């Protein structure tokens, strides 16, 4: 019982703390909307967020082990858990690569150039072929694949659910543009970090449901 109480507490309270950094970045983005970022350091910012990701991963590792161990006695549930883990590792690696490539891309921008415009170019690109579209598609594929693992699951892509973009942007704006067309680099890094944490929460919720059925 303590296991599931803790997990429920983690979902209800922990999710708020996981995304506080992203919320702060959005506030900063609104405040500095018309201000050039002359002293932004992509490498330093990347290092700071990597530290946060490592700390988050360490805090979740025990939960992973606890729930996956609970599946050992049931071959069907264990198979589902293994498939879930494989799919989740793949999408987390995709987010990490996008994260790293953005840092590298911005690090090659001269200090007197516009980091905001470079961030928009990276994600939206010319003719809408930027990395944001690849990321959006990969996240859609991820939830489609894991929903097939268990018929009771109906997860939605965190790329869309993270913000209600329809309320904030014109209907002619797609979700990638809605997220990135006015985005400063700090907010973009925070968005990727929050996406990664939401994927982790999806996996924890799914594996928790499998573990409960296996009791």
N, C-alpha and C. Protein backbone atom coordinates (compact mmCIF):
# COMPACT_ATOMS: atom_id res chain seq x y z
N UNK A 1 0.82 -1.21 0.00
CA UNK A 1 0.00 0.00 0.00
C UNK A 1 0.85 1.26 0.00
N UNK A 2 1.98 1.24 0.73
CA UNK A 2 2.85 2.41 0.76
C UNK A 2 3.36 2.73 -0.63
N UNK A 3 3.64 1.68 -1.40
CA UNK A 3 4.14 1.88 -2.76
C UNK A 3 3.18 2.71 -3.58
N UNK A 4 1.92 2.36 -3.58
CA UNK A 4 0.96 3.02 -4.44
C UNK A 4 0.56 4.38 -3.89
N UNK A 5 0.56 4.52 -2.52
CA UNK A 5 0.31 5.84 -1.95
C UNK A 5 1.40 6.80 -2.38
N UNK A 6 2.65 6.33 -2.34
CA UNK A 6 3.76 7.21 -2.71
C UNK A 6 3.68 7.60 -4.17
N UNK A 7 3.33 6.63 -5.02
CA UNK A 7 3.26 6.94 -6.45
C UNK A 7 2.15 7.93 -6.73
N UNK A 8 0.99 7.74 -6.08
CA UNK A 8 -0.11 8.69 -6.27
C UNK A 8 0.28 10.08 -5.80
N UNK A 9 1.00 10.13 -4.67
CA UNK A 9 1.49 11.41 -4.17
C UNK A 9 2.46 12.04 -5.16
N UNK A 10 3.31 11.19 -5.75
CA UNK A 10 4.28 11.68 -6.74
C UNK A 10 3.56 12.27 -7.94
N UNK A 11 2.49 11.61 -8.41
CA UNK A 11 1.76 12.11 -9.58
C UNK A 11 1.08 13.44 -9.26
N UNK A 12 0.46 13.55 -8.06
CA UNK A 12 -0.34 14.73 -7.76
C UNK A 12 0.50 15.93 -7.35
N UNK A 13 1.55 15.68 -6.56
CA UNK A 13 2.37 16.79 -6.08
C UNK A 13 3.67 16.91 -6.86
N UNK A 14 4.29 15.77 -7.13
CA UNK A 14 5.60 15.77 -7.78
C UNK A 14 5.57 16.36 -9.16
N UNK A 15 4.48 16.14 -9.89
CA UNK A 15 4.41 16.66 -11.26
C UNK A 15 4.48 18.18 -11.28
N UNK A 16 3.94 18.82 -10.23
CA UNK A 16 3.99 20.28 -10.16
C UNK A 16 5.41 20.76 -9.99
N UNK A 17 6.18 20.08 -9.13
CA UNK A 17 7.56 20.51 -8.91
C UNK A 17 8.44 20.19 -10.10
N UNK A 18 8.12 19.12 -10.83
CA UNK A 18 8.93 18.76 -11.99
C UNK A 18 8.88 19.83 -13.06
N UNK A 19 7.74 20.52 -13.16
CA UNK A 19 7.58 21.48 -14.25
C UNK A 19 7.74 22.93 -13.80
N UNK A 20 8.17 23.15 -12.55
CA UNK A 20 8.30 24.53 -12.08
C UNK A 20 9.38 25.27 -12.85
N UNK A 21 10.42 24.56 -13.26
CA UNK A 21 11.49 25.21 -14.03
C UNK A 21 10.96 25.70 -15.36
N UNK A 22 10.15 24.86 -16.02
CA UNK A 22 9.58 25.26 -17.30
C UNK A 22 8.66 26.45 -17.14
N UNK A 23 7.87 26.46 -16.04
CA UNK A 23 6.97 27.59 -15.81
C UNK A 23 7.75 28.87 -15.63
N UNK A 24 8.86 28.78 -14.88
CA UNK A 24 9.69 29.96 -14.68
C UNK A 24 10.26 30.47 -15.98
N UNK A 25 10.63 29.56 -16.85
CA UNK A 25 11.20 29.95 -18.14
C UNK A 25 10.16 30.65 -18.99
N UNK A 26 8.89 30.17 -18.93
CA UNK A 26 7.85 30.81 -19.71
C UNK A 26 7.61 32.23 -19.22
N UNK A 27 7.66 32.41 -17.87
CA UNK A 27 7.49 33.75 -17.32
C UNK A 27 8.60 34.67 -17.78
N UNK A 28 9.82 34.17 -17.74
CA UNK A 28 10.96 34.96 -18.19
C UNK A 28 10.83 35.29 -19.66
N UNK A 29 10.33 34.34 -20.44
CA UNK A 29 10.17 34.57 -21.88
C UNK A 29 9.20 35.72 -22.13
N UNK A 30 8.08 35.76 -21.37
CA UNK A 30 7.11 36.82 -21.55
C UNK A 30 7.68 38.17 -21.14
N UNK A 31 8.45 38.17 -20.04
CA UNK A 31 9.00 39.42 -19.54
C UNK A 31 10.01 40.02 -20.50
N UNK A 32 10.82 39.15 -21.10
CA UNK A 32 11.90 39.61 -21.97
C UNK A 32 11.58 39.47 -23.45
N UNK A 33 10.30 39.51 -23.78
CA UNK A 33 9.88 39.22 -25.16
C UNK A 33 10.59 40.08 -26.19
N UNK A 34 10.83 41.35 -25.87
CA UNK A 34 11.42 42.26 -26.84
C UNK A 34 12.90 42.52 -26.58
N UNK A 35 13.51 41.73 -25.72
CA UNK A 35 14.90 41.97 -25.31
C UNK A 35 15.85 40.98 -25.96
N UNK A 36 16.94 41.46 -26.50
CA UNK A 36 17.95 40.58 -27.08
C UNK A 36 18.72 39.88 -25.96
N UNK A 37 19.08 38.63 -26.18
CA UNK A 37 19.87 37.89 -25.19
C UNK A 37 21.32 37.93 -25.63
N UNK A 38 22.05 38.83 -25.02
CA UNK A 38 23.44 39.04 -25.45
C UNK A 38 24.41 38.17 -24.67
N UNK A 39 24.00 37.77 -23.44
CA UNK A 39 24.93 37.04 -22.59
C UNK A 39 24.51 35.59 -22.40
N UNK A 40 23.67 35.07 -23.26
CA UNK A 40 23.21 33.69 -23.12
C UNK A 40 24.33 32.72 -23.45
N UNK A 41 24.53 31.73 -22.59
CA UNK A 41 25.56 30.72 -22.81
C UNK A 41 24.90 29.36 -23.02
N UNK A 42 24.78 28.88 -24.25
CA UNK A 42 24.16 27.58 -24.50
C UNK A 42 24.84 26.44 -23.75
N UNK A 43 26.16 26.45 -23.74
CA UNK A 43 26.89 25.36 -23.09
C UNK A 43 26.60 25.32 -21.59
N UNK A 44 26.60 26.49 -20.94
CA UNK A 44 26.33 26.56 -19.51
C UNK A 44 24.90 26.15 -19.21
N UNK A 45 23.97 26.63 -20.02
CA UNK A 45 22.56 26.32 -19.80
C UNK A 45 22.33 24.82 -19.98
N UNK A 46 22.94 24.24 -20.99
CA UNK A 46 22.83 22.81 -21.24
C UNK A 46 23.37 22.02 -20.05
N UNK A 47 24.50 22.46 -19.52
CA UNK A 47 25.11 21.77 -18.38
C UNK A 47 24.20 21.82 -17.15
N UNK A 48 23.57 22.96 -16.92
CA UNK A 48 22.68 23.10 -15.77
C UNK A 48 21.46 22.19 -15.89
N UNK A 49 20.87 22.14 -17.08
CA UNK A 49 19.70 21.29 -17.27
C UNK A 49 20.06 19.81 -17.25
N UNK A 50 21.26 19.48 -17.73
CA UNK A 50 21.71 18.10 -17.64
C UNK A 50 21.82 17.67 -16.18
N UNK A 51 22.29 18.56 -15.32
CA UNK A 51 22.39 18.26 -13.90
C UNK A 51 21.00 18.00 -13.32
N UNK A 52 20.03 18.82 -13.71
CA UNK A 52 18.66 18.62 -13.23
C UNK A 52 18.11 17.28 -13.71
N UNK A 53 18.39 16.94 -14.97
CA UNK A 53 17.91 15.66 -15.50
C UNK A 53 18.52 14.48 -14.77
N UNK A 54 19.81 14.58 -14.45
CA UNK A 54 20.47 13.49 -13.72
C UNK A 54 19.86 13.32 -12.34
N UNK A 55 19.58 14.43 -11.66
CA UNK A 55 18.99 14.37 -10.33
C UNK A 55 17.59 13.76 -10.39
N UNK A 56 16.81 14.15 -11.42
CA UNK A 56 15.47 13.60 -11.58
C UNK A 56 15.53 12.11 -11.86
N UNK A 57 16.48 11.70 -12.70
CA UNK A 57 16.63 10.28 -13.04
C UNK A 57 17.00 9.47 -11.80
N UNK A 58 17.89 10.01 -10.97
CA UNK A 58 18.29 9.31 -9.76
C UNK A 58 17.11 9.12 -8.81
N UNK A 59 16.27 10.14 -8.69
CA UNK A 59 15.13 10.06 -7.78
C UNK A 59 14.06 9.09 -8.26
N UNK A 60 14.02 8.83 -9.58
CA UNK A 60 13.01 7.93 -10.13
C UNK A 60 13.49 6.49 -10.27
N UNK A 61 14.79 6.29 -10.16
CA UNK A 61 15.36 4.96 -10.41
C UNK A 61 14.77 3.91 -9.47
N UNK A 62 14.60 4.26 -8.19
CA UNK A 62 14.05 3.30 -7.23
C UNK A 62 12.62 2.91 -7.60
N UNK A 63 11.85 3.89 -8.08
CA UNK A 63 10.47 3.59 -8.48
C UNK A 63 10.44 2.65 -9.67
N UNK A 64 11.31 2.87 -10.64
CA UNK A 64 11.40 1.97 -11.79
C UNK A 64 11.66 0.54 -11.31
N UNK A 65 12.71 0.37 -10.52
CA UNK A 65 13.11 -0.96 -10.06
C UNK A 65 11.98 -1.64 -9.29
N UNK A 66 11.34 -0.88 -8.43
CA UNK A 66 10.29 -1.43 -7.58
C UNK A 66 9.12 -1.95 -8.42
N UNK A 67 8.72 -1.17 -9.42
CA UNK A 67 7.56 -1.55 -10.22
C UNK A 67 7.89 -2.65 -11.23
N UNK A 68 9.06 -2.60 -11.81
CA UNK A 68 9.42 -3.65 -12.76
C UNK A 68 9.65 -4.99 -12.05
N UNK A 69 10.15 -4.96 -10.82
CA UNK A 69 10.31 -6.20 -10.06
C UNK A 69 8.96 -6.85 -9.77
N UNK A 70 7.94 -6.01 -9.63
CA UNK A 70 6.60 -6.52 -9.32
C UNK A 70 6.01 -7.33 -10.48
N UNK A 71 6.61 -7.22 -11.66
CA UNK A 71 6.09 -7.93 -12.83
C UNK A 71 6.75 -9.29 -13.04
N UNK A 72 7.73 -9.63 -12.23
CA UNK A 72 8.52 -10.83 -12.47
C UNK A 72 7.68 -12.10 -12.48
N UNK A 73 6.61 -12.13 -11.68
CA UNK A 73 5.84 -13.36 -11.56
C UNK A 73 4.84 -13.61 -12.66
N UNK A 74 4.66 -12.69 -13.56
CA UNK A 74 3.65 -12.82 -14.62
C UNK A 74 4.31 -12.57 -15.97
N UNK A 75 4.39 -13.60 -16.80
CA UNK A 75 5.10 -13.46 -18.07
C UNK A 75 4.44 -12.45 -19.00
N UNK A 76 3.09 -12.39 -18.98
CA UNK A 76 2.38 -11.44 -19.86
C UNK A 76 2.67 -10.01 -19.45
N UNK A 77 2.55 -9.74 -18.15
CA UNK A 77 2.79 -8.39 -17.65
C UNK A 77 4.26 -8.01 -17.82
N UNK A 78 5.14 -8.98 -17.63
CA UNK A 78 6.57 -8.70 -17.79
C UNK A 78 6.88 -8.36 -19.25
N UNK A 79 6.27 -9.09 -20.17
CA UNK A 79 6.48 -8.81 -21.60
C UNK A 79 6.00 -7.40 -21.94
N UNK A 80 4.84 -7.02 -21.41
CA UNK A 80 4.32 -5.68 -21.65
C UNK A 80 5.25 -4.63 -21.05
N UNK A 81 5.75 -4.92 -19.85
CA UNK A 81 6.67 -3.99 -19.21
C UNK A 81 7.96 -3.82 -19.99
N UNK A 82 8.47 -4.91 -20.53
CA UNK A 82 9.71 -4.84 -21.32
C UNK A 82 9.51 -4.04 -22.60
N UNK A 83 8.36 -4.23 -23.26
CA UNK A 83 8.06 -3.46 -24.47
C UNK A 83 7.94 -1.97 -24.14
N UNK A 84 7.27 -1.69 -23.03
CA UNK A 84 7.12 -0.30 -22.59
C UNK A 84 8.48 0.34 -22.36
N UNK A 85 9.37 -0.39 -21.68
CA UNK A 85 10.71 0.12 -21.39
C UNK A 85 11.50 0.40 -22.66
N UNK A 86 11.41 -0.51 -23.63
CA UNK A 86 12.12 -0.33 -24.90
C UNK A 86 11.63 0.91 -25.64
N UNK A 87 10.31 1.06 -25.72
CA UNK A 87 9.74 2.21 -26.43
C UNK A 87 10.11 3.52 -25.73
N UNK A 88 10.08 3.49 -24.40
CA UNK A 88 10.38 4.71 -23.64
C UNK A 88 11.84 5.10 -23.78
N UNK A 89 12.73 4.13 -23.72
CA UNK A 89 14.16 4.42 -23.88
C UNK A 89 14.43 5.06 -25.24
N UNK A 90 13.75 4.58 -26.27
CA UNK A 90 13.96 5.12 -27.62
C UNK A 90 13.55 6.58 -27.70
N UNK A 91 12.38 6.93 -27.16
CA UNK A 91 11.92 8.32 -27.27
C UNK A 91 12.74 9.24 -26.37
N UNK A 92 13.18 8.73 -25.22
CA UNK A 92 14.03 9.56 -24.35
C UNK A 92 15.36 9.86 -25.02
N UNK A 93 15.89 8.89 -25.74
CA UNK A 93 17.13 9.12 -26.49
C UNK A 93 16.92 10.16 -27.59
N UNK A 94 15.75 10.13 -28.22
CA UNK A 94 15.43 11.12 -29.26
C UNK A 94 15.38 12.53 -28.66
N UNK A 95 14.74 12.66 -27.51
CA UNK A 95 14.66 13.97 -26.85
C UNK A 95 16.05 14.43 -26.44
N UNK A 96 16.86 13.52 -25.89
CA UNK A 96 18.22 13.87 -25.49
C UNK A 96 19.05 14.36 -26.68
N UNK A 97 18.89 13.70 -27.82
CA UNK A 97 19.65 14.09 -29.01
C UNK A 97 19.21 15.47 -29.49
N UNK A 98 17.91 15.73 -29.47
CA UNK A 98 17.40 17.05 -29.85
C UNK A 98 17.96 18.12 -28.92
N UNK A 99 17.98 17.80 -27.64
CA UNK A 99 18.50 18.67 -26.59
C UNK A 99 19.98 19.00 -26.86
N UNK A 100 20.76 17.94 -27.09
CA UNK A 100 22.19 18.10 -27.34
C UNK A 100 22.44 18.87 -28.64
N UNK A 101 21.70 18.54 -29.68
CA UNK A 101 21.91 19.19 -30.97
C UNK A 101 21.55 20.67 -30.93
N UNK A 102 20.53 21.02 -30.14
CA UNK A 102 20.18 22.43 -29.98
C UNK A 102 21.31 23.18 -29.29
N UNK A 103 21.86 22.58 -28.23
CA UNK A 103 22.98 23.22 -27.52
C UNK A 103 24.17 23.42 -28.45
N UNK A 104 24.47 22.41 -29.24
CA UNK A 104 25.59 22.50 -30.18
C UNK A 104 25.32 23.54 -31.25
N UNK A 105 24.09 23.58 -31.75
CA UNK A 105 23.70 24.54 -32.79
C UNK A 105 23.85 25.98 -32.27
N UNK A 106 23.37 26.23 -31.06
CA UNK A 106 23.45 27.57 -30.49
C UNK A 106 24.88 27.94 -30.11
N UNK A 107 25.66 26.96 -29.73
CA UNK A 107 27.04 27.23 -29.34
C UNK A 107 27.87 27.71 -30.52
N UNK A 108 27.41 27.39 -31.73
CA UNK A 108 28.12 27.82 -32.94
C UNK A 108 27.61 29.15 -33.48
N UNK A 109 26.63 29.74 -32.79
CA UNK A 109 26.11 31.05 -33.19
C UNK A 109 27.00 32.13 -32.59
N UNK A 110 27.50 33.07 -33.38
CA UNK A 110 28.31 34.17 -32.84
C UNK A 110 27.57 34.92 -31.74
N UNK A 111 28.31 35.40 -30.76
CA UNK A 111 27.69 36.04 -29.59
C UNK A 111 26.86 37.26 -29.95
N UNK A 112 27.17 37.91 -31.08
CA UNK A 112 26.43 39.11 -31.45
C UNK A 112 25.20 38.79 -32.29
N UNK A 113 24.91 37.52 -32.50
CA UNK A 113 23.76 37.12 -33.30
C UNK A 113 22.54 36.88 -32.42
N UNK A 114 21.40 36.67 -33.05
CA UNK A 114 20.14 36.52 -32.34
C UNK A 114 19.87 35.05 -32.01
N UNK A 115 20.00 34.70 -30.73
CA UNK A 115 19.77 33.32 -30.31
C UNK A 115 18.31 32.92 -30.48
N UNK A 116 17.42 33.87 -30.28
CA UNK A 116 15.99 33.57 -30.43
C UNK A 116 15.68 33.14 -31.86
N UNK A 117 16.16 33.89 -32.83
CA UNK A 117 15.91 33.54 -34.23
C UNK A 117 16.55 32.20 -34.58
N UNK A 118 17.72 31.93 -34.02
CA UNK A 118 18.39 30.66 -34.28
C UNK A 118 17.58 29.49 -33.70
N UNK A 119 16.99 29.70 -32.52
CA UNK A 119 16.17 28.67 -31.90
C UNK A 119 14.94 28.37 -32.74
N UNK A 120 14.31 29.42 -33.24
CA UNK A 120 13.13 29.26 -34.10
C UNK A 120 13.50 28.51 -35.37
N UNK A 121 14.64 28.87 -35.96
CA UNK A 121 15.11 28.19 -37.17
C UNK A 121 15.36 26.71 -36.91
N UNK A 122 15.95 26.41 -35.77
CA UNK A 122 16.26 25.02 -35.43
C UNK A 122 14.99 24.17 -35.35
N UNK A 123 13.96 24.68 -34.69
CA UNK A 123 12.76 23.88 -34.46
C UNK A 123 11.75 23.94 -35.60
N UNK A 124 11.57 25.11 -36.20
CA UNK A 124 10.58 25.25 -37.28
C UNK A 124 11.24 25.05 -38.64
N UNK A 125 12.38 25.70 -38.84
CA UNK A 125 13.14 25.52 -40.07
C UNK A 125 12.49 26.16 -41.28
N UNK A 126 13.15 26.00 -42.40
CA UNK A 126 12.61 26.49 -43.66
C UNK A 126 11.60 25.48 -44.20
N UNK A 127 10.48 26.00 -44.68
CA UNK A 127 9.41 25.13 -45.22
C UNK A 127 8.93 24.10 -44.19
N UNK A 128 8.99 24.49 -42.92
CA UNK A 128 8.50 23.64 -41.84
C UNK A 128 9.16 22.25 -41.83
N UNK A 129 10.48 22.26 -41.95
CA UNK A 129 11.22 21.00 -41.91
C UNK A 129 12.20 20.97 -40.74
N UNK A 130 11.90 21.77 -39.72
CA UNK A 130 12.79 21.83 -38.56
C UNK A 130 12.64 20.64 -37.64
N UNK A 131 13.48 20.62 -36.61
CA UNK A 131 13.53 19.48 -35.70
C UNK A 131 12.27 19.35 -34.84
N UNK A 132 11.55 20.44 -34.68
CA UNK A 132 10.33 20.37 -33.90
C UNK A 132 9.31 19.43 -34.50
N UNK A 133 9.24 19.39 -35.82
CA UNK A 133 8.28 18.52 -36.51
C UNK A 133 8.68 17.05 -36.36
N UNK A 134 9.97 16.78 -36.40
CA UNK A 134 10.44 15.40 -36.20
C UNK A 134 10.15 14.94 -34.77
N UNK A 135 10.35 15.86 -33.83
CA UNK A 135 10.09 15.53 -32.43
C UNK A 135 8.61 15.29 -32.20
N UNK A 136 7.77 16.14 -32.76
CA UNK A 136 6.32 15.97 -32.62
C UNK A 136 5.88 14.61 -33.16
N UNK A 137 6.37 14.25 -34.34
CA UNK A 137 5.99 12.98 -34.95
C UNK A 137 6.49 11.79 -34.13
N UNK A 138 7.69 11.89 -33.59
CA UNK A 138 8.25 10.80 -32.79
C UNK A 138 7.44 10.57 -31.51
N UNK A 139 6.99 11.65 -30.90
CA UNK A 139 6.18 11.53 -29.68
C UNK A 139 4.81 10.94 -29.99
N UNK A 140 4.24 11.31 -31.14
CA UNK A 140 2.96 10.71 -31.55
C UNK A 140 3.13 9.21 -31.76
N UNK A 141 4.22 8.84 -32.42
CA UNK A 141 4.50 7.42 -32.66
C UNK A 141 4.70 6.67 -31.34
N UNK A 142 5.36 7.33 -30.39
CA UNK A 142 5.61 6.70 -29.09
C UNK A 142 4.31 6.33 -28.40
N UNK A 143 3.39 7.30 -28.26
CA UNK A 143 2.14 6.99 -27.55
C UNK A 143 1.28 6.00 -28.34
N UNK A 144 1.34 6.07 -29.66
CA UNK A 144 0.60 5.10 -30.48
C UNK A 144 1.11 3.69 -30.22
N UNK A 145 2.43 3.55 -30.15
CA UNK A 145 3.04 2.23 -29.94
C UNK A 145 2.76 1.69 -28.54
N UNK A 146 2.87 2.53 -27.52
CA UNK A 146 2.65 2.00 -26.17
C UNK A 146 1.17 1.74 -25.90
N UNK A 147 0.28 2.50 -26.53
CA UNK A 147 -1.15 2.23 -26.37
C UNK A 147 -1.54 0.87 -26.94
N UNK A 148 -0.74 0.38 -27.90
CA UNK A 148 -0.99 -0.95 -28.47
C UNK A 148 -0.53 -2.06 -27.53
N UNK A 149 0.34 -1.73 -26.59
CA UNK A 149 0.86 -2.74 -25.66
C UNK A 149 -0.25 -3.24 -24.74
N UNK A 150 -1.10 -2.33 -24.29
CA UNK A 150 -2.20 -2.70 -23.40
C UNK A 150 -3.46 -1.96 -23.84
N UNK A 151 -4.54 -2.69 -24.04
CA UNK A 151 -5.76 -2.10 -24.60
C UNK A 151 -6.42 -1.09 -23.67
N UNK A 152 -6.06 -1.09 -22.39
CA UNK A 152 -6.66 -0.14 -21.45
C UNK A 152 -5.96 1.22 -21.48
N UNK A 153 -4.81 1.30 -22.12
CA UNK A 153 -4.06 2.56 -22.13
C UNK A 153 -4.56 3.48 -23.23
N UNK A 154 -4.62 4.75 -22.90
CA UNK A 154 -5.05 5.76 -23.88
C UNK A 154 -4.25 7.04 -23.65
N UNK A 155 -2.94 6.91 -23.68
CA UNK A 155 -2.07 8.06 -23.45
C UNK A 155 -2.06 8.98 -24.67
N UNK A 156 -1.87 10.26 -24.42
CA UNK A 156 -1.75 11.24 -25.50
C UNK A 156 -0.34 11.82 -25.51
N UNK A 157 0.05 12.35 -26.64
CA UNK A 157 1.40 12.88 -26.79
C UNK A 157 1.63 14.07 -25.86
N UNK A 158 2.69 14.05 -25.06
CA UNK A 158 2.99 15.20 -24.19
C UNK A 158 3.36 16.45 -24.97
N UNK A 159 3.71 16.29 -26.24
CA UNK A 159 4.02 17.46 -27.06
C UNK A 159 2.80 18.36 -27.19
N UNK A 160 1.63 17.75 -27.26
CA UNK A 160 0.39 18.50 -27.40
C UNK A 160 -0.21 18.82 -26.05
N UNK A 161 -0.20 17.86 -25.14
CA UNK A 161 -0.89 18.03 -23.87
C UNK A 161 -0.18 18.95 -22.90
N UNK A 162 1.11 19.24 -23.16
CA UNK A 162 1.86 20.07 -22.23
C UNK A 162 1.25 21.47 -22.12
N UNK A 163 0.75 22.00 -23.18
CA UNK A 163 0.07 23.30 -23.18
C UNK A 163 -1.14 23.21 -24.09
N UNK A 164 -2.22 23.91 -23.73
CA UNK A 164 -3.39 23.94 -24.61
C UNK A 164 -3.14 25.00 -25.68
N UNK A 165 -2.41 24.61 -26.72
CA UNK A 165 -1.98 25.56 -27.73
C UNK A 165 -3.14 26.18 -28.49
N UNK A 166 -4.26 25.48 -28.55
CA UNK A 166 -5.40 26.01 -29.29
C UNK A 166 -5.96 27.27 -28.62
N UNK A 167 -5.83 27.37 -27.31
CA UNK A 167 -6.34 28.54 -26.60
C UNK A 167 -5.39 29.72 -26.71
N UNK A 168 -4.13 29.46 -27.03
CA UNK A 168 -3.12 30.51 -27.01
C UNK A 168 -2.77 31.05 -28.38
N UNK A 169 -3.07 30.30 -29.43
CA UNK A 169 -2.60 30.68 -30.75
C UNK A 169 -3.70 30.57 -31.79
N UNK A 170 -3.50 31.26 -32.88
CA UNK A 170 -4.45 31.24 -33.99
C UNK A 170 -4.62 29.83 -34.53
N UNK A 171 -5.81 29.51 -35.01
CA UNK A 171 -6.09 28.16 -35.50
C UNK A 171 -5.26 27.80 -36.73
N UNK A 172 -4.75 28.80 -37.43
CA UNK A 172 -3.91 28.52 -38.60
C UNK A 172 -2.46 28.19 -38.22
N UNK A 173 -2.16 28.25 -36.94
CA UNK A 173 -0.81 27.95 -36.45
C UNK A 173 -0.74 26.50 -36.01
N UNK A 174 0.21 25.74 -36.54
CA UNK A 174 0.33 24.34 -36.10
C UNK A 174 1.00 24.28 -34.73
N UNK A 175 1.00 23.10 -34.13
CA UNK A 175 1.48 22.98 -32.76
C UNK A 175 2.96 23.28 -32.61
N UNK A 176 3.77 22.96 -33.62
CA UNK A 176 5.20 23.26 -33.55
C UNK A 176 5.42 24.77 -33.57
N UNK A 177 4.73 25.47 -34.46
CA UNK A 177 4.84 26.93 -34.50
C UNK A 177 4.32 27.53 -33.21
N UNK A 178 3.25 26.96 -32.68
CA UNK A 178 2.68 27.49 -31.44
C UNK A 178 3.69 27.42 -30.30
N UNK A 179 4.46 26.36 -30.27
CA UNK A 179 5.45 26.21 -29.20
C UNK A 179 6.72 27.03 -29.44
N UNK A 180 7.14 27.16 -30.69
CA UNK A 180 8.49 27.65 -30.95
C UNK A 180 8.62 28.94 -31.75
N UNK A 181 7.53 29.49 -32.30
CA UNK A 181 7.70 30.65 -33.17
C UNK A 181 8.08 31.92 -32.42
N UNK A 182 7.92 31.94 -31.10
CA UNK A 182 8.32 33.10 -30.31
C UNK A 182 9.18 32.67 -29.12
N UNK A 183 9.92 31.61 -29.30
CA UNK A 183 10.61 30.98 -28.18
C UNK A 183 12.07 31.41 -28.05
N UNK A 184 12.43 31.84 -26.84
CA UNK A 184 13.83 32.09 -26.50
C UNK A 184 14.50 30.75 -26.18
N UNK A 185 15.82 30.66 -26.30
CA UNK A 185 16.50 29.38 -26.08
C UNK A 185 16.27 28.77 -24.71
N UNK A 186 16.21 29.61 -23.65
CA UNK A 186 15.97 29.06 -22.31
C UNK A 186 14.65 28.29 -22.26
N UNK A 187 13.61 28.88 -22.86
CA UNK A 187 12.30 28.23 -22.86
C UNK A 187 12.32 26.95 -23.68
N UNK A 188 13.09 26.94 -24.77
CA UNK A 188 13.18 25.74 -25.60
C UNK A 188 13.86 24.60 -24.84
N UNK A 189 14.96 24.92 -24.15
CA UNK A 189 15.62 23.90 -23.34
C UNK A 189 14.68 23.38 -22.25
N UNK A 190 13.97 24.29 -21.59
CA UNK A 190 13.05 23.90 -20.53
C UNK A 190 11.91 23.04 -21.08
N UNK A 191 11.45 23.36 -22.28
CA UNK A 191 10.38 22.58 -22.92
C UNK A 191 10.84 21.15 -23.15
N UNK A 192 12.06 20.98 -23.66
CA UNK A 192 12.59 19.64 -23.90
C UNK A 192 12.77 18.87 -22.59
N UNK A 193 13.24 19.58 -21.57
CA UNK A 193 13.42 18.94 -20.27
C UNK A 193 12.07 18.49 -19.70
N UNK A 194 11.05 19.34 -19.85
CA UNK A 194 9.72 19.00 -19.35
C UNK A 194 9.11 17.84 -20.15
N UNK A 195 9.35 17.81 -21.46
CA UNK A 195 8.87 16.70 -22.28
C UNK A 195 9.44 15.38 -21.78
N UNK A 196 10.73 15.39 -21.49
CA UNK A 196 11.39 14.18 -21.01
C UNK A 196 10.76 13.70 -19.70
N UNK A 197 10.49 14.63 -18.82
CA UNK A 197 9.91 14.26 -17.54
C UNK A 197 8.47 13.76 -17.70
N UNK A 198 7.73 14.34 -18.65
CA UNK A 198 6.37 13.86 -18.89
C UNK A 198 6.37 12.44 -19.45
N UNK A 199 7.33 12.14 -20.31
CA UNK A 199 7.45 10.77 -20.83
C UNK A 199 7.74 9.80 -19.68
N UNK A 200 8.61 10.20 -18.77
CA UNK A 200 8.93 9.37 -17.61
C UNK A 200 7.68 9.13 -16.77
N UNK A 201 6.86 10.16 -16.60
CA UNK A 201 5.63 10.02 -15.82
C UNK A 201 4.64 9.09 -16.52
N UNK A 202 4.59 9.16 -17.85
CA UNK A 202 3.73 8.24 -18.61
C UNK A 202 4.16 6.80 -18.34
N UNK A 203 5.46 6.55 -18.40
CA UNK A 203 5.95 5.19 -18.16
C UNK A 203 5.65 4.74 -16.74
N UNK A 204 5.85 5.63 -15.78
CA UNK A 204 5.59 5.26 -14.38
C UNK A 204 4.11 4.94 -14.17
N UNK A 205 3.23 5.73 -14.77
CA UNK A 205 1.80 5.46 -14.62
C UNK A 205 1.43 4.12 -15.25
N UNK A 206 1.98 3.86 -16.44
CA UNK A 206 1.68 2.61 -17.14
C UNK A 206 2.20 1.40 -16.38
N UNK A 207 3.44 1.48 -15.91
CA UNK A 207 4.02 0.34 -15.21
C UNK A 207 3.35 0.13 -13.86
N UNK A 208 2.87 1.21 -13.25
CA UNK A 208 2.13 1.10 -11.99
C UNK A 208 0.83 0.33 -12.21
N UNK A 209 0.14 0.60 -13.32
CA UNK A 209 -1.10 -0.11 -13.62
C UNK A 209 -0.84 -1.59 -13.85
N UNK A 210 0.25 -1.92 -14.54
CA UNK A 210 0.60 -3.32 -14.75
C UNK A 210 0.92 -4.01 -13.43
N UNK A 211 1.65 -3.32 -12.58
CA UNK A 211 2.04 -3.89 -11.29
C UNK A 211 0.82 -4.14 -10.41
N UNK A 212 -0.14 -3.24 -10.43
CA UNK A 212 -1.35 -3.41 -9.63
C UNK A 212 -2.13 -4.65 -10.08
N UNK A 213 -2.19 -4.86 -11.38
CA UNK A 213 -2.92 -6.02 -11.92
C UNK A 213 -2.21 -7.33 -11.60
N UNK A 214 -0.93 -7.22 -11.31
CA UNK A 214 -0.12 -8.41 -11.06
C UNK A 214 -0.08 -8.79 -9.59
N UNK A 215 -0.77 -8.02 -8.74
CA UNK A 215 -0.72 -8.31 -7.30
C UNK A 215 -1.55 -9.55 -6.97
